[in-house]
Amino acid sequence: MADEVKIEDTAAMAGMHDEGVEYIDAEELEKLRAERDELRDRFMRALADMENSRKRAERDRREAEQYGGSKFARDMLPVYDSLSRAMDHATEEQKAVSGPLLEGVSLTLRELQNVFTKHGIEIIRPAAGDVFDPKEHQAMFEAPLPGTKAGTIIEVMGVGFRLHDRLLRPAQVGVSSNTAG
């Protein structure tokens, strides 16, 4: 290329002629090339490490954003359970006497469910007759119930919760152990 200047050309321009020119023998040139190749390899590895670190940091940031509140979410599950139990066990007489109070409890429970949904918390609600799934259910007992197949849910004692794709708490169920099915 026209813009390239060789060491010899630079020396000639400086009026140095041969006395200022440094000559490199083939062995030294090979060492320099090997060093250059090693430095290039280290540079490429450093770039790859930096890119991997960037990707790992981005993944960690996304996970922290999605799952950072999982401890708080777990701590809120008993609140949901208590409000649900209060609504499930309120008799008609109690509803007549304490209607506004129970309406407030119902609204609070609904708002809690909306907050759960907003933050990616899904309620796992199995029903009697569903197939037991150990990834989402916790078997609290097994019993041989006539007319059911082994591994069928026969009673639901508590709902479960999932945060995005991670299980916060399994649903608590009773499972049929019938082998005659």
N, C-alpha and C. Protein backbone atom coordinates (compact mmCIF):
# COMPACT_ATOMS: atom_id res chain seq x y z
N MET A 1 0.83 -1.17 0.00
CA MET A 1 0.00 0.00 0.00
C MET A 1 0.89 1.24 0.00
N ALA A 2 0.38 2.30 -0.55
CA ALA A 2 1.16 3.53 -0.69
C ALA A 2 1.42 4.20 0.64
N ASP A 3 0.52 4.04 1.62
CA ASP A 3 0.68 4.71 2.91
C ASP A 3 1.61 3.98 3.86
N GLU A 4 1.94 2.73 3.57
CA GLU A 4 2.80 1.96 4.45
C GLU A 4 4.24 2.42 4.31
N VAL A 5 4.92 2.49 5.40
CA VAL A 5 6.33 2.90 5.41
C VAL A 5 7.12 1.79 6.07
N LYS A 6 8.14 1.32 5.41
CA LYS A 6 8.99 0.26 5.97
C LYS A 6 10.03 0.88 6.88
N ILE A 7 10.59 0.06 7.74
CA ILE A 7 11.63 0.53 8.64
C ILE A 7 12.79 1.13 7.84
N GLU A 8 13.16 0.45 6.73
CA GLU A 8 14.28 0.94 5.92
C GLU A 8 13.96 2.31 5.34
N ASP A 9 12.69 2.51 4.88
CA ASP A 9 12.30 3.80 4.30
C ASP A 9 12.37 4.90 5.36
N THR A 10 11.95 4.61 6.55
CA THR A 10 11.98 5.58 7.63
C THR A 10 13.42 5.96 7.95
N ALA A 11 14.27 4.96 7.99
CA ALA A 11 15.69 5.23 8.28
C ALA A 11 16.30 6.07 7.18
N ALA A 12 15.97 5.78 5.93
CA ALA A 12 16.53 6.55 4.81
C ALA A 12 16.05 7.98 4.88
N MET A 13 14.77 8.19 5.23
CA MET A 13 14.23 9.55 5.32
C MET A 13 14.93 10.33 6.43
N ALA A 14 15.30 9.64 7.47
CA ALA A 14 15.95 10.30 8.59
C ALA A 14 17.44 10.49 8.34
N GLY A 15 17.92 10.04 7.19
CA GLY A 15 19.32 10.19 6.85
C GLY A 15 20.19 9.20 7.58
N MET A 16 19.62 8.11 8.02
CA MET A 16 20.36 7.16 8.83
C MET A 16 21.02 6.09 7.97
N HIS A 17 20.54 5.89 6.86
CA HIS A 17 21.01 4.84 5.94
C HIS A 17 21.06 3.52 6.68
N ASP A 18 22.10 2.78 6.54
CA ASP A 18 22.15 1.43 7.11
C ASP A 18 22.50 1.42 8.59
N GLU A 19 23.22 2.44 9.09
CA GLU A 19 23.65 2.35 10.48
C GLU A 19 22.50 2.43 11.48
N GLY A 20 21.31 3.04 11.14
CA GLY A 20 20.20 3.14 12.08
C GLY A 20 19.13 2.08 11.88
N VAL A 21 19.28 1.25 10.88
CA VAL A 21 18.27 0.24 10.58
C VAL A 21 18.54 -0.99 11.43
N GLU A 22 17.45 -1.47 12.04
CA GLU A 22 17.57 -2.68 12.86
C GLU A 22 17.06 -3.86 12.06
N TYR A 23 17.91 -4.83 11.88
CA TYR A 23 17.53 -6.02 11.12
C TYR A 23 17.15 -7.13 12.09
N ILE A 24 16.12 -7.88 11.73
CA ILE A 24 15.65 -8.97 12.58
C ILE A 24 15.88 -10.27 11.81
N ASP A 25 16.53 -11.22 12.49
CA ASP A 25 16.75 -12.50 11.81
C ASP A 25 15.47 -13.33 11.85
N ALA A 26 15.43 -14.40 11.09
CA ALA A 26 14.23 -15.22 10.92
C ALA A 26 13.77 -15.82 12.25
N GLU A 27 14.71 -16.23 13.10
CA GLU A 27 14.35 -16.82 14.40
C GLU A 27 13.65 -15.80 15.29
N GLU A 28 14.20 -14.60 15.34
CA GLU A 28 13.60 -13.52 16.14
C GLU A 28 12.22 -13.17 15.60
N LEU A 29 12.10 -13.14 14.25
CA LEU A 29 10.82 -12.84 13.61
C LEU A 29 9.77 -13.90 13.98
N GLU A 30 10.18 -15.15 14.02
CA GLU A 30 9.26 -16.23 14.41
C GLU A 30 8.82 -16.06 15.86
N LYS A 31 9.74 -15.68 16.74
CA LYS A 31 9.39 -15.46 18.15
C LYS A 31 8.38 -14.32 18.26
N LEU A 32 8.61 -13.25 17.51
CA LEU A 32 7.67 -12.12 17.55
C LEU A 32 6.30 -12.51 17.01
N ARG A 33 6.29 -13.30 15.95
CA ARG A 33 5.00 -13.77 15.41
C ARG A 33 4.28 -14.65 16.41
N ALA A 34 5.03 -15.53 17.08
CA ALA A 34 4.42 -16.41 18.09
C ALA A 34 3.86 -15.58 19.23
N GLU A 35 4.63 -14.57 19.66
CA GLU A 35 4.16 -13.68 20.73
C GLU A 35 2.91 -12.93 20.29
N ARG A 36 2.92 -12.45 19.05
CA ARG A 36 1.75 -11.74 18.50
C ARG A 36 0.53 -12.67 18.50
N ASP A 37 0.74 -13.91 18.04
CA ASP A 37 -0.37 -14.86 17.99
C ASP A 37 -0.89 -15.17 19.38
N GLU A 38 0.02 -15.30 20.35
CA GLU A 38 -0.39 -15.57 21.72
C GLU A 38 -1.18 -14.38 22.28
N LEU A 39 -0.70 -13.17 22.02
CA LEU A 39 -1.40 -11.98 22.50
C LEU A 39 -2.76 -11.84 21.83
N ARG A 40 -2.84 -12.16 20.55
CA ARG A 40 -4.12 -12.12 19.84
C ARG A 40 -5.09 -13.14 20.45
N ASP A 41 -4.56 -14.34 20.73
CA ASP A 41 -5.39 -15.39 21.33
C ASP A 41 -5.89 -14.95 22.71
N ARG A 42 -5.02 -14.36 23.53
CA ARG A 42 -5.42 -13.89 24.86
C ARG A 42 -6.44 -12.76 24.74
N PHE A 43 -6.24 -11.89 23.77
CA PHE A 43 -7.19 -10.80 23.55
C PHE A 43 -8.57 -11.35 23.17
N MET A 44 -8.60 -12.32 22.26
CA MET A 44 -9.87 -12.91 21.83
C MET A 44 -10.56 -13.62 23.00
N ARG A 45 -9.78 -14.31 23.82
CA ARG A 45 -10.35 -14.98 25.00
C ARG A 45 -10.91 -13.95 25.98
N ALA A 46 -10.18 -12.85 26.15
CA ALA A 46 -10.65 -11.79 27.06
C ALA A 46 -11.96 -11.19 26.53
N LEU A 47 -12.04 -11.00 25.22
CA LEU A 47 -13.29 -10.50 24.64
C LEU A 47 -14.44 -11.48 24.87
N ALA A 48 -14.15 -12.78 24.66
CA ALA A 48 -15.18 -13.80 24.87
C ALA A 48 -15.60 -13.84 26.34
N ASP A 49 -14.63 -13.75 27.26
CA ASP A 49 -14.95 -13.73 28.69
C ASP A 49 -15.81 -12.52 29.04
N MET A 50 -15.47 -11.38 28.45
CA MET A 50 -16.24 -10.17 28.71
C MET A 50 -17.68 -10.33 28.20
N GLU A 51 -17.84 -10.90 27.02
CA GLU A 51 -19.18 -11.10 26.47
C GLU A 51 -19.97 -12.09 27.32
N ASN A 52 -19.31 -13.16 27.78
CA ASN A 52 -19.98 -14.13 28.65
C ASN A 52 -20.38 -13.49 29.97
N SER A 53 -19.51 -12.64 30.51
CA SER A 53 -19.84 -11.93 31.75
C SER A 53 -21.03 -11.00 31.55
N ARG A 54 -21.07 -10.33 30.41
CA ARG A 54 -22.19 -9.43 30.12
C ARG A 54 -23.49 -10.23 30.05
N LYS A 55 -23.46 -11.37 29.35
CA LYS A 55 -24.66 -12.21 29.23
C LYS A 55 -25.08 -12.75 30.59
N ARG A 56 -24.10 -13.19 31.39
CA ARG A 56 -24.40 -13.72 32.72
C ARG A 56 -25.01 -12.63 33.60
N ALA A 57 -24.46 -11.43 33.54
CA ALA A 57 -24.99 -10.31 34.33
C ALA A 57 -26.41 -9.98 33.90
N GLU A 58 -26.68 -10.01 32.61
CA GLU A 58 -28.03 -9.74 32.10
C GLU A 58 -29.01 -10.81 32.58
N ARG A 59 -28.57 -12.08 32.51
CA ARG A 59 -29.42 -13.19 32.99
C ARG A 59 -29.69 -13.04 34.48
N ASP A 60 -28.63 -12.72 35.25
CA ASP A 60 -28.79 -12.53 36.70
C ASP A 60 -29.73 -11.37 37.00
N ARG A 61 -29.64 -10.30 36.23
CA ARG A 61 -30.52 -9.15 36.43
C ARG A 61 -31.97 -9.54 36.17
N ARG A 62 -32.20 -10.29 35.07
CA ARG A 62 -33.57 -10.73 34.76
C ARG A 62 -34.11 -11.64 35.87
N GLU A 63 -33.26 -12.58 36.34
CA GLU A 63 -33.71 -13.49 37.40
C GLU A 63 -34.00 -12.72 38.69
N ALA A 64 -33.16 -11.75 39.01
CA ALA A 64 -33.39 -10.96 40.21
C ALA A 64 -34.70 -10.19 40.09
N GLU A 65 -34.95 -9.69 38.90
CA GLU A 65 -36.20 -8.95 38.67
C GLU A 65 -37.41 -9.86 38.82
N GLN A 66 -37.32 -11.07 38.25
CA GLN A 66 -38.46 -11.99 38.29
C GLN A 66 -38.62 -12.67 39.64
N TYR A 67 -37.50 -13.10 40.23
CA TYR A 67 -37.59 -13.95 41.42
C TYR A 67 -37.08 -13.29 42.70
N GLY A 68 -36.66 -12.03 42.61
CA GLY A 68 -36.12 -11.35 43.78
C GLY A 68 -37.09 -11.25 44.94
N GLY A 69 -38.37 -11.19 44.65
CA GLY A 69 -39.38 -11.07 45.70
C GLY A 69 -39.95 -12.40 46.16
N SER A 70 -39.30 -13.50 45.81
CA SER A 70 -39.88 -14.80 46.14
C SER A 70 -39.97 -15.05 47.65
N LYS A 71 -39.00 -14.56 48.42
CA LYS A 71 -39.07 -14.73 49.88
C LYS A 71 -40.27 -13.94 50.42
N PHE A 72 -40.44 -12.71 49.96
CA PHE A 72 -41.59 -11.91 50.39
C PHE A 72 -42.90 -12.59 49.95
N ALA A 73 -42.92 -13.10 48.72
CA ALA A 73 -44.12 -13.78 48.22
C ALA A 73 -44.45 -14.98 49.10
N ARG A 74 -43.44 -15.78 49.47
CA ARG A 74 -43.67 -16.93 50.35
C ARG A 74 -44.23 -16.48 51.69
N ASP A 75 -43.74 -15.34 52.18
CA ASP A 75 -44.23 -14.83 53.47
C ASP A 75 -45.68 -14.36 53.39
N MET A 76 -46.15 -14.01 52.19
CA MET A 76 -47.54 -13.54 52.00
C MET A 76 -48.53 -14.71 51.86
N LEU A 77 -48.06 -15.91 51.58
CA LEU A 77 -48.97 -17.04 51.37
C LEU A 77 -49.84 -17.34 52.59
N PRO A 78 -49.33 -17.30 53.81
CA PRO A 78 -50.20 -17.52 54.97
C PRO A 78 -51.29 -16.45 55.10
N VAL A 79 -51.01 -15.24 54.65
CA VAL A 79 -52.03 -14.19 54.67
C VAL A 79 -53.18 -14.59 53.75
N TYR A 80 -52.82 -15.05 52.55
CA TYR A 80 -53.84 -15.54 51.61
C TYR A 80 -54.63 -16.68 52.24
N ASP A 81 -53.91 -17.63 52.84
CA ASP A 81 -54.58 -18.79 53.47
C ASP A 81 -55.57 -18.34 54.55
N SER A 82 -55.17 -17.41 55.39
CA SER A 82 -56.03 -16.96 56.49
C SER A 82 -57.27 -16.26 55.96
N LEU A 83 -57.09 -15.38 54.96
CA LEU A 83 -58.25 -14.68 54.39
C LEU A 83 -59.19 -15.67 53.70
N SER A 84 -58.63 -16.63 52.99
CA SER A 84 -59.46 -17.65 52.31
C SER A 84 -60.24 -18.48 53.32
N ARG A 85 -59.54 -18.90 54.38
CA ARG A 85 -60.21 -19.69 55.42
C ARG A 85 -61.34 -18.90 56.06
N ALA A 86 -61.11 -17.62 56.31
CA ALA A 86 -62.15 -16.77 56.92
C ALA A 86 -63.39 -16.73 56.03
N MET A 87 -63.17 -16.59 54.73
CA MET A 87 -64.31 -16.53 53.81
C MET A 87 -64.98 -17.89 53.66
N ASP A 88 -64.20 -18.96 53.63
CA ASP A 88 -64.76 -20.30 53.45
C ASP A 88 -65.56 -20.76 54.67
N HIS A 89 -65.19 -20.31 55.84
CA HIS A 89 -65.83 -20.79 57.06
C HIS A 89 -66.90 -19.85 57.61
N ALA A 90 -67.15 -18.76 56.94
CA ALA A 90 -68.19 -17.83 57.41
C ALA A 90 -69.56 -18.44 57.16
N THR A 91 -70.34 -18.56 58.20
CA THR A 91 -71.69 -19.12 58.08
C THR A 91 -72.64 -18.04 57.58
N GLU A 92 -73.83 -18.47 57.18
CA GLU A 92 -74.84 -17.51 56.70
C GLU A 92 -75.23 -16.55 57.83
N GLU A 93 -75.29 -17.07 59.04
CA GLU A 93 -75.63 -16.21 60.18
C GLU A 93 -74.56 -15.14 60.39
N GLN A 94 -73.29 -15.54 60.30
CA GLN A 94 -72.19 -14.58 60.45
C GLN A 94 -72.21 -13.56 59.30
N LYS A 95 -72.56 -14.00 58.11
CA LYS A 95 -72.61 -13.09 56.96
C LYS A 95 -73.72 -12.05 57.16
N ALA A 96 -74.84 -12.48 57.79
CA ALA A 96 -75.95 -11.55 58.03
C ALA A 96 -75.57 -10.52 59.10
N VAL A 97 -74.90 -10.99 60.15
CA VAL A 97 -74.54 -10.11 61.26
C VAL A 97 -73.33 -9.23 60.91
N SER A 98 -72.34 -9.81 60.28
CA SER A 98 -71.08 -9.10 60.01
C SER A 98 -70.85 -8.91 58.51
N GLY A 99 -71.91 -8.61 57.79
CA GLY A 99 -71.81 -8.48 56.33
C GLY A 99 -70.74 -7.52 55.86
N PRO A 100 -70.71 -6.29 56.35
CA PRO A 100 -69.68 -5.34 55.89
C PRO A 100 -68.25 -5.80 56.22
N LEU A 101 -68.08 -6.41 57.39
CA LEU A 101 -66.76 -6.90 57.77
C LEU A 101 -66.30 -8.00 56.81
N LEU A 102 -67.20 -8.96 56.55
CA LEU A 102 -66.85 -10.05 55.64
C LEU A 102 -66.67 -9.55 54.21
N GLU A 103 -67.42 -8.51 53.84
CA GLU A 103 -67.23 -7.91 52.51
C GLU A 103 -65.84 -7.30 52.41
N GLY A 104 -65.38 -6.68 53.49
CA GLY A 104 -64.02 -6.12 53.54
C GLY A 104 -62.96 -7.20 53.42
N VAL A 105 -63.18 -8.32 54.10
CA VAL A 105 -62.24 -9.44 54.02
C VAL A 105 -62.22 -9.98 52.59
N SER A 106 -63.40 -10.09 51.98
CA SER A 106 -63.49 -10.58 50.61
C SER A 106 -62.77 -9.65 49.64
N LEU A 107 -62.96 -8.34 49.80
CA LEU A 107 -62.27 -7.37 48.94
C LEU A 107 -60.76 -7.42 49.14
N THR A 108 -60.33 -7.59 50.37
CA THR A 108 -58.89 -7.69 50.66
C THR A 108 -58.30 -8.94 50.01
N LEU A 109 -59.02 -10.05 50.09
CA LEU A 109 -58.57 -11.29 49.45
C LEU A 109 -58.49 -11.12 47.93
N ARG A 110 -59.49 -10.49 47.35
CA ARG A 110 -59.48 -10.25 45.91
C ARG A 110 -58.30 -9.36 45.49
N GLU A 111 -58.05 -8.31 46.29
CA GLU A 111 -56.94 -7.41 45.99
C GLU A 111 -55.60 -8.14 46.10
N LEU A 112 -55.48 -9.02 47.09
CA LEU A 112 -54.26 -9.82 47.23
C LEU A 112 -54.07 -10.72 46.01
N GLN A 113 -55.15 -11.32 45.53
CA GLN A 113 -55.06 -12.15 44.33
C GLN A 113 -54.64 -11.31 43.11
N ASN A 114 -55.16 -10.08 43.01
CA ASN A 114 -54.76 -9.20 41.91
C ASN A 114 -53.28 -8.85 41.98
N VAL A 115 -52.79 -8.60 43.18
CA VAL A 115 -51.37 -8.29 43.35
C VAL A 115 -50.53 -9.52 42.99
N PHE A 116 -50.97 -10.69 43.41
CA PHE A 116 -50.27 -11.93 43.04
C PHE A 116 -50.17 -12.03 41.52
N THR A 117 -51.29 -11.85 40.84
CA THR A 117 -51.32 -11.94 39.38
C THR A 117 -50.38 -10.92 38.74
N LYS A 118 -50.43 -9.70 39.24
CA LYS A 118 -49.59 -8.63 38.70
C LYS A 118 -48.10 -8.97 38.79
N HIS A 119 -47.72 -9.69 39.83
CA HIS A 119 -46.31 -10.01 40.05
C HIS A 119 -45.94 -11.44 39.64
N GLY A 120 -46.81 -12.09 38.87
CA GLY A 120 -46.47 -13.40 38.32
C GLY A 120 -46.68 -14.57 39.25
N ILE A 121 -47.47 -14.38 40.31
CA ILE A 121 -47.75 -15.48 41.23
C ILE A 121 -49.06 -16.12 40.80
N GLU A 122 -48.99 -17.39 40.49
CA GLU A 122 -50.16 -18.14 40.03
C GLU A 122 -50.60 -19.11 41.12
N ILE A 123 -51.90 -19.17 41.34
CA ILE A 123 -52.44 -20.09 42.35
C ILE A 123 -52.69 -21.43 41.68
N ILE A 124 -52.18 -22.49 42.29
CA ILE A 124 -52.37 -23.85 41.78
C ILE A 124 -53.56 -24.43 42.53
N ARG A 125 -54.67 -24.66 41.80
CA ARG A 125 -55.90 -25.15 42.41
C ARG A 125 -56.26 -26.53 41.84
N PRO A 126 -55.71 -27.59 42.41
CA PRO A 126 -56.12 -28.91 41.92
C PRO A 126 -57.54 -29.22 42.40
N ALA A 127 -58.14 -30.18 41.76
CA ALA A 127 -59.49 -30.60 42.15
C ALA A 127 -59.50 -32.11 42.33
N ALA A 128 -60.45 -32.58 43.12
CA ALA A 128 -60.61 -34.03 43.28
C ALA A 128 -60.85 -34.63 41.90
N GLY A 129 -60.12 -35.71 41.61
CA GLY A 129 -60.23 -36.36 40.31
C GLY A 129 -59.05 -36.05 39.40
N ASP A 130 -58.30 -34.97 39.69
CA ASP A 130 -57.10 -34.66 38.91
C ASP A 130 -56.02 -35.71 39.19
N VAL A 131 -55.08 -35.81 38.30
CA VAL A 131 -53.95 -36.72 38.48
C VAL A 131 -52.89 -36.04 39.34
N PHE A 132 -52.37 -36.78 40.30
CA PHE A 132 -51.32 -36.26 41.18
C PHE A 132 -50.06 -35.96 40.36
N ASP A 133 -49.51 -34.76 40.54
CA ASP A 133 -48.29 -34.34 39.86
C ASP A 133 -47.28 -33.93 40.94
N PRO A 134 -46.25 -34.73 41.15
CA PRO A 134 -45.30 -34.43 42.23
C PRO A 134 -44.55 -33.11 42.03
N LYS A 135 -44.60 -32.55 40.83
CA LYS A 135 -43.94 -31.26 40.59
C LYS A 135 -44.77 -30.10 41.13
N GLU A 136 -46.08 -30.33 41.32
CA GLU A 136 -46.97 -29.26 41.79
C GLU A 136 -47.74 -29.60 43.05
N HIS A 137 -47.77 -30.88 43.42
CA HIS A 137 -48.59 -31.33 44.55
C HIS A 137 -47.72 -32.00 45.61
N GLN A 138 -48.16 -31.89 46.85
CA GLN A 138 -47.54 -32.60 47.96
C GLN A 138 -48.59 -33.54 48.53
N ALA A 139 -48.28 -34.83 48.50
CA ALA A 139 -49.22 -35.82 49.03
C ALA A 139 -49.16 -35.80 50.55
N MET A 140 -50.28 -35.45 51.17
CA MET A 140 -50.34 -35.40 52.63
C MET A 140 -50.75 -36.75 53.21
N PHE A 141 -51.48 -37.52 52.40
CA PHE A 141 -51.86 -38.88 52.81
C PHE A 141 -52.24 -39.66 51.57
N GLU A 142 -52.27 -40.98 51.73
CA GLU A 142 -52.77 -41.88 50.69
C GLU A 142 -53.85 -42.74 51.33
N ALA A 143 -54.90 -42.99 50.57
CA ALA A 143 -55.99 -43.82 51.08
C ALA A 143 -56.63 -44.56 49.91
N PRO A 144 -57.03 -45.81 50.16
CA PRO A 144 -57.72 -46.56 49.09
C PRO A 144 -59.19 -46.15 49.04
N LEU A 145 -59.56 -45.38 48.06
CA LEU A 145 -60.94 -44.92 47.91
C LEU A 145 -61.57 -45.70 46.76
N PRO A 146 -62.64 -46.44 47.04
CA PRO A 146 -63.28 -47.22 45.98
C PRO A 146 -63.72 -46.33 44.81
N GLY A 147 -63.55 -46.83 43.61
CA GLY A 147 -63.97 -46.11 42.42
C GLY A 147 -62.94 -45.13 41.89
N THR A 148 -61.74 -45.14 42.46
CA THR A 148 -60.68 -44.24 41.98
C THR A 148 -59.45 -45.04 41.58
N LYS A 149 -58.62 -44.44 40.76
CA LYS A 149 -57.36 -45.06 40.36
C LYS A 149 -56.24 -44.56 41.27
N ALA A 150 -55.21 -45.36 41.41
CA ALA A 150 -54.04 -44.94 42.18
C ALA A 150 -53.46 -43.69 41.52
N GLY A 151 -53.07 -42.74 42.36
CA GLY A 151 -52.47 -41.51 41.83
C GLY A 151 -53.47 -40.42 41.51
N THR A 152 -54.76 -40.66 41.84
CA THR A 152 -55.79 -39.65 41.62
C THR A 152 -55.96 -38.84 42.90
N ILE A 153 -56.11 -37.55 42.74
CA ILE A 153 -56.34 -36.69 43.91
C ILE A 153 -57.76 -36.93 44.42
N ILE A 154 -57.87 -37.21 45.73
CA ILE A 154 -59.19 -37.47 46.31
C ILE A 154 -59.63 -36.34 47.26
N GLU A 155 -58.67 -35.52 47.70
CA GLU A 155 -59.01 -34.40 48.57
C GLU A 155 -57.94 -33.31 48.43
N VAL A 156 -58.40 -32.06 48.45
CA VAL A 156 -57.48 -30.92 48.39
C VAL A 156 -57.52 -30.22 49.75
N MET A 157 -56.36 -30.13 50.39
CA MET A 157 -56.29 -29.50 51.71
C MET A 157 -55.73 -28.09 51.66
N GLY A 158 -55.02 -27.77 50.59
CA GLY A 158 -54.47 -26.43 50.46
C GLY A 158 -54.00 -26.17 49.04
N VAL A 159 -54.20 -24.94 48.59
CA VAL A 159 -53.76 -24.58 47.24
C VAL A 159 -52.24 -24.38 47.24
N GLY A 160 -51.67 -24.42 46.06
CA GLY A 160 -50.24 -24.19 45.89
C GLY A 160 -50.01 -22.89 45.14
N PHE A 161 -48.76 -22.50 45.04
CA PHE A 161 -48.43 -21.24 44.37
C PHE A 161 -47.16 -21.41 43.55
N ARG A 162 -47.14 -20.74 42.40
CA ARG A 162 -45.99 -20.75 41.51
C ARG A 162 -45.65 -19.29 41.19
N LEU A 163 -44.37 -18.95 41.24
CA LEU A 163 -43.89 -17.63 40.83
C LEU A 163 -43.23 -17.82 39.48
N HIS A 164 -43.89 -17.30 38.44
CA HIS A 164 -43.48 -17.51 37.05
C HIS A 164 -43.38 -19.02 36.82
N ASP A 165 -42.18 -19.56 36.69
CA ASP A 165 -42.07 -21.00 36.46
C ASP A 165 -41.49 -21.75 37.66
N ARG A 166 -41.36 -21.08 38.80
CA ARG A 166 -40.80 -21.71 40.00
C ARG A 166 -41.90 -21.95 41.03
N LEU A 167 -41.86 -23.13 41.61
CA LEU A 167 -42.84 -23.49 42.63
C LEU A 167 -42.50 -22.80 43.95
N LEU A 168 -43.46 -22.03 44.49
CA LEU A 168 -43.28 -21.42 45.80
C LEU A 168 -43.72 -22.38 46.90
N ARG A 169 -44.87 -23.01 46.66
CA ARG A 169 -45.41 -23.96 47.62
C ARG A 169 -46.29 -24.94 46.86
N PRO A 170 -46.12 -26.24 47.08
CA PRO A 170 -46.98 -27.20 46.39
C PRO A 170 -48.38 -27.22 46.99
N ALA A 171 -49.35 -27.59 46.18
CA ALA A 171 -50.72 -27.78 46.68
C ALA A 171 -50.72 -29.04 47.55
N GLN A 172 -51.42 -28.99 48.65
CA GLN A 172 -51.45 -30.12 49.56
C GLN A 172 -52.70 -30.96 49.28
N VAL A 173 -52.47 -32.22 48.97
CA VAL A 173 -53.56 -33.09 48.51
C VAL A 173 -53.50 -34.46 49.18
N GLY A 174 -54.66 -35.14 49.16
CA GLY A 174 -54.74 -36.54 49.51
C GLY A 174 -54.84 -37.32 48.21
N VAL A 175 -54.20 -38.48 48.17
CA VAL A 175 -54.10 -39.24 46.92
C VAL A 175 -54.65 -40.65 47.12
N SER A 176 -55.33 -41.15 46.11
CA SER A 176 -55.85 -42.53 46.14
C SER A 176 -54.70 -43.51 45.99
N SER A 177 -54.77 -44.57 46.78
CA SER A 177 -53.78 -45.62 46.66
C SER A 177 -54.40 -46.90 46.13
N ASN A 178 -55.61 -46.77 45.58
CA ASN A 178 -56.31 -47.93 45.03
C ASN A 178 -55.47 -48.60 43.95
N THR A 179 -55.38 -49.91 44.04
CA THR A 179 -54.67 -50.62 42.96
C THR A 179 -55.67 -51.31 42.05
N ALA A 180 -56.93 -51.45 42.52
CA ALA A 180 -57.95 -52.10 41.72
C ALA A 180 -58.50 -51.16 40.66
N GLY A 181 -58.54 -49.83 40.94
CA GLY A 181 -58.97 -48.74 40.08
C GLY A 181 -59.99 -49.04 39.14
